[in-house]
Amino acid sequence: MANDFRDPSNVNSTTPCLRGPQVSLGLARRRVGCLAVCLNGSSAQIPTPLPLTVREREIANLVAAGLSNRDIAERLTVSVRTVEGHLYRACTKLDCTDRDQLAAVIRSGQPR
């Protein structure tokens, strides 16, 4: 099969690589969309962002309200590290690189 990317002989330097922990969810989505265009010759629908959990959304809303990680941790009676973990996963799901972008996405109500 000429377009079978499971066959290592068909992989070259222009083939998108989805391996590695450094690939963000948003980048992976874009690469999947590009790969589908290459394979099908038509534009593909890129999957929508993964939904945030209730806790991730709660913490993201508090970030959008201007609270620090420490303030959020005290308010929710969790550790700062727990808040950081929820923020990391929320940013990954929404393809945000920092809390300002996350706050903007939450305020707009639209995924990136």
Protein backbone atom coordinates (compact mmCIF):
# COMPACT_ATOMS: atom_id res chain seq x y z
CA MET A 1 0.00 0.00 0.00
CA ALA A 2 1.49 3.32 -1.03
CA ASN A 3 -0.21 5.41 1.67
CA ASP A 4 -0.01 2.96 4.58
CA PHE A 5 1.87 4.89 7.27
CA ARG A 6 2.09 1.80 9.45
CA ASP A 7 4.69 0.50 7.00
CA PRO A 8 8.06 2.04 8.05
CA SER A 9 9.27 2.09 4.44
CA ASN A 10 6.59 4.70 3.62
CA VAL A 11 7.67 7.11 6.35
CA ASN A 12 9.94 9.97 5.31
CA SER A 13 11.02 13.33 6.68
CA THR A 14 7.73 14.99 5.67
CA THR A 15 5.56 12.45 7.49
CA PRO A 16 4.09 13.95 10.67
CA CYS A 17 5.43 12.29 13.79
CA LEU A 18 3.04 11.97 16.70
CA ARG A 19 5.52 10.36 19.05
CA GLY A 20 7.20 12.01 22.00
CA PRO A 21 6.06 13.67 25.21
CA GLN A 22 6.82 17.15 23.86
CA VAL A 23 3.95 17.03 21.34
CA SER A 24 1.01 19.07 22.63
CA LEU A 25 -2.56 17.95 22.13
CA GLY A 26 -3.25 20.89 19.83
CA LEU A 27 -0.19 20.17 17.71
CA ALA A 28 -1.18 16.51 17.51
CA ARG A 29 -4.69 17.53 16.38
CA ARG A 30 -3.27 19.75 13.63
CA ARG A 31 -0.93 16.99 12.48
CA VAL A 32 -3.78 14.48 12.36
CA GLY A 33 -5.78 16.95 10.27
CA CYS A 34 -2.86 17.46 7.88
CA LEU A 35 -2.29 13.72 7.64
CA ALA A 36 -5.96 13.14 6.82
CA VAL A 37 -5.75 15.77 4.06
CA CYS A 38 -2.68 14.03 2.62
CA LEU A 39 -4.35 10.63 2.69
CA ASN A 40 -7.84 11.62 1.57
CA GLY A 41 -7.11 14.63 -0.62
CA SER A 42 -9.84 16.56 1.16
CA SER A 43 -10.02 18.60 4.31
CA ALA A 44 -10.73 16.62 7.42
CA GLN A 45 -12.62 17.70 10.46
CA ILE A 46 -10.14 18.21 13.26
CA PRO A 47 -11.45 16.77 16.53
CA THR A 48 -12.87 19.20 19.06
CA PRO A 49 -10.94 19.80 22.28
CA LEU A 50 -11.31 17.30 25.06
CA PRO A 51 -13.82 18.42 27.67
CA LEU A 52 -12.51 19.75 30.96
CA THR A 53 -13.39 17.91 34.13
CA VAL A 54 -15.58 19.70 36.64
CA ARG A 55 -12.53 20.41 38.82
CA GLU A 56 -10.41 21.64 35.89
CA ARG A 57 -13.19 24.01 34.84
CA GLU A 58 -13.65 25.21 38.43
CA ILE A 59 -9.94 25.98 38.76
CA ALA A 60 -9.78 27.55 35.30
CA ASN A 61 -12.69 29.84 36.25
CA LEU A 62 -10.82 30.90 39.38
CA VAL A 63 -7.73 31.65 37.27
CA ALA A 64 -9.93 33.73 34.96
CA ALA A 65 -11.17 35.58 38.04
CA GLY A 66 -7.56 36.53 38.83
CA LEU A 67 -6.74 34.21 41.73
CA SER A 68 -3.22 32.86 42.21
CA ASN A 69 -2.48 29.14 42.53
CA ARG A 70 -1.99 29.59 46.27
CA ASP A 71 -5.33 31.43 46.63
CA ILE A 72 -7.10 28.71 44.65
CA ALA A 73 -5.47 25.98 46.75
CA GLU A 74 -6.58 27.66 49.99
CA ARG A 75 -10.11 28.22 48.73
CA LEU A 76 -10.51 24.60 47.59
CA THR A 77 -8.49 23.09 50.45
CA VAL A 78 -6.06 21.30 48.17
CA SER A 79 -2.31 21.62 47.68
CA VAL A 80 -0.76 24.14 45.31
CA ARG A 81 0.71 21.19 43.40
CA THR A 82 -2.79 19.78 42.86
CA VAL A 83 -3.91 23.13 41.44
CA GLU A 84 -0.86 23.17 39.15
CA GLY A 85 -1.71 19.68 37.92
CA HIS A 86 -5.29 20.63 37.08
CA LEU A 87 -4.10 23.76 35.30
CA TYR A 88 -1.54 21.78 33.32
CA ARG A 89 -4.18 19.32 32.11
CA ALA A 90 -6.68 22.11 31.32
CA CYS A 91 -4.05 23.99 29.31
CA THR A 92 -3.11 20.82 27.45
CA LYS A 93 -6.73 20.06 26.56
CA LEU A 94 -7.39 23.62 25.39
CA ASP A 95 -3.99 24.06 23.68
CA CYS A 96 -3.02 27.00 25.92
CA THR A 97 0.58 27.78 26.81
CA ASP A 98 -0.02 29.90 29.92
CA ARG A 99 -2.63 30.98 32.44
CA ASP A 100 -3.39 34.22 30.55
CA GLN A 101 -4.39 32.25 27.46
CA LEU A 102 -6.40 29.84 29.61
CA ALA A 103 -8.21 32.74 31.27
CA ALA A 104 -8.99 34.27 27.86
CA VAL A 105 -10.40 30.98 26.56
CA ILE A 106 -12.55 30.54 29.67
CA ARG A 107 -13.83 34.11 29.49
CA SER A 108 -14.69 33.78 25.79
CA GLY A 109 -16.43 30.44 26.29
CA GLN A 110 -14.98 29.27 22.97
CA PRO A 111 -12.32 26.59 22.64
CA ARG A 112 -9.24 27.59 20.68
